[in-house]
Amino acid sequence: MNTKVDSPVVVHFLFDRPCSLSRPTKLFWHGREYPITKIGLHHTYRQGSVLFHVFSVISSDTFFRLVFNSQNLSWLLEEVGDGQSG
């Protein structure tokens, strides 16, 4: 079941220009470290002049939707899910 969260989080992000690789590698939330094992959808949207990057990622069996605000360089955990339906 997915739950809306809207909580600030710390995200480690890998940017490797020579390899053209950029992706979140782990996130820290509520005192826990979650290594990101799979990256799903990545998309962007604008709200006024601010560009947001949205990443859907998985750590173990937990789903996270992360949003990066490119204006103030902050991360927000928007949604978390445990892989269970209903």
Protein backbone atom coordinates (compact mmCIF):
# COMPACT_ATOMS: atom_id res chain seq x y z
CA MET A 1 0.00 0.00 0.00
CA ASN A 2 1.36 3.42 -0.97
CA THR A 3 1.25 6.30 1.49
CA LYS A 4 1.71 10.02 0.81
CA VAL A 5 4.55 11.36 2.97
CA ASP A 6 5.88 14.80 1.85
CA SER A 7 8.96 14.61 4.09
CA PRO A 8 12.40 16.16 3.48
CA VAL A 9 15.11 13.51 3.03
CA VAL A 10 18.82 13.25 2.32
CA VAL A 11 19.69 11.59 -0.98
CA HIS A 12 23.12 10.54 -2.24
CA PHE A 13 23.22 11.10 -5.98
CA LEU A 14 25.86 9.80 -8.39
CA PHE A 15 26.84 11.96 -11.34
CA ASP A 16 29.50 10.48 -13.62
CA ARG A 17 29.88 12.69 -16.68
CA PRO A 18 32.37 10.50 -18.60
CA CYS A 19 29.99 7.54 -18.33
CA SER A 20 26.84 9.66 -18.83
CA LEU A 21 25.46 8.22 -15.60
CA SER A 22 23.35 10.10 -13.08
CA ARG A 23 21.13 8.45 -10.49
CA PRO A 24 20.22 8.39 -6.81
CA THR A 25 22.17 5.70 -4.95
CA LYS A 26 20.76 5.84 -1.41
CA LEU A 27 18.40 7.81 0.75
CA PHE A 28 18.29 8.57 4.46
CA TRP A 29 14.89 8.83 6.13
CA HIS A 30 13.89 8.61 9.80
CA GLY A 31 17.44 7.72 10.83
CA ARG A 32 17.70 4.79 8.41
CA GLU A 33 19.77 4.30 5.29
CA TYR A 34 18.02 2.82 2.25
CA PRO A 35 20.37 1.69 -0.56
CA ILE A 36 18.58 2.12 -3.88
CA THR A 37 18.55 -1.19 -5.72
CA LYS A 38 16.37 -0.29 -8.70
CA ILE A 39 15.37 2.90 -10.49
CA GLY A 40 12.07 2.97 -12.31
CA LEU A 41 10.48 6.03 -13.88
CA HIS A 42 12.25 9.37 -14.00
CA HIS A 43 10.41 12.42 -15.27
CA THR A 44 10.41 16.18 -14.88
CA TYR A 45 7.78 18.87 -14.54
CA ARG A 46 7.72 22.62 -14.03
CA GLN A 47 5.85 24.65 -11.47
CA GLY A 48 6.29 28.25 -12.56
CA SER A 49 10.00 28.65 -13.21
CA VAL A 50 11.05 25.74 -10.95
CA LEU A 51 12.07 22.43 -12.53
CA PHE A 52 11.37 19.28 -10.51
CA HIS A 53 12.87 15.83 -11.14
CA VAL A 54 10.80 12.85 -9.97
CA PHE A 55 12.44 9.45 -9.40
CA SER A 56 10.55 6.24 -8.60
CA VAL A 57 13.01 3.93 -6.85
CA ILE A 58 13.09 0.69 -4.89
CA SER A 59 15.17 -0.28 -1.87
CA SER A 60 14.75 -3.96 -1.00
CA ASP A 61 10.95 -4.34 -1.15
CA THR A 62 10.12 -0.69 -0.40
CA PHE A 63 9.00 1.78 -3.08
CA PHE A 64 9.90 5.48 -2.81
CA ARG A 65 8.94 8.47 -4.94
CA LEU A 66 11.62 11.14 -4.62
CA VAL A 67 11.29 14.71 -5.88
CA PHE A 68 14.29 16.97 -6.45
CA ASN A 69 13.70 20.73 -6.51
CA SER A 70 16.31 22.20 -8.88
CA GLN A 71 15.84 25.74 -7.57
CA ASN A 72 16.68 25.18 -3.90
CA LEU A 73 18.50 21.82 -4.44
CA SER A 74 16.36 19.95 -1.92
CA TRP A 75 14.88 16.44 -1.90
CA LEU A 76 11.39 15.50 -0.79
CA LEU A 77 10.06 12.01 -0.18
CA GLU A 78 6.60 12.26 -1.70
CA GLU A 79 5.34 8.68 -1.40
CA VAL A 80 6.41 5.38 0.13
CA GLY A 81 5.00 1.90 -0.45
CA ASP A 82 5.57 -1.56 0.99
CA GLY A 83 4.72 -3.54 -2.13
CA GLN A 84 1.43 -4.78 -0.66
CA SER A 85 -1.88 -3.97 -2.36
CA GLY A 86 -4.93 -2.64 -0.69
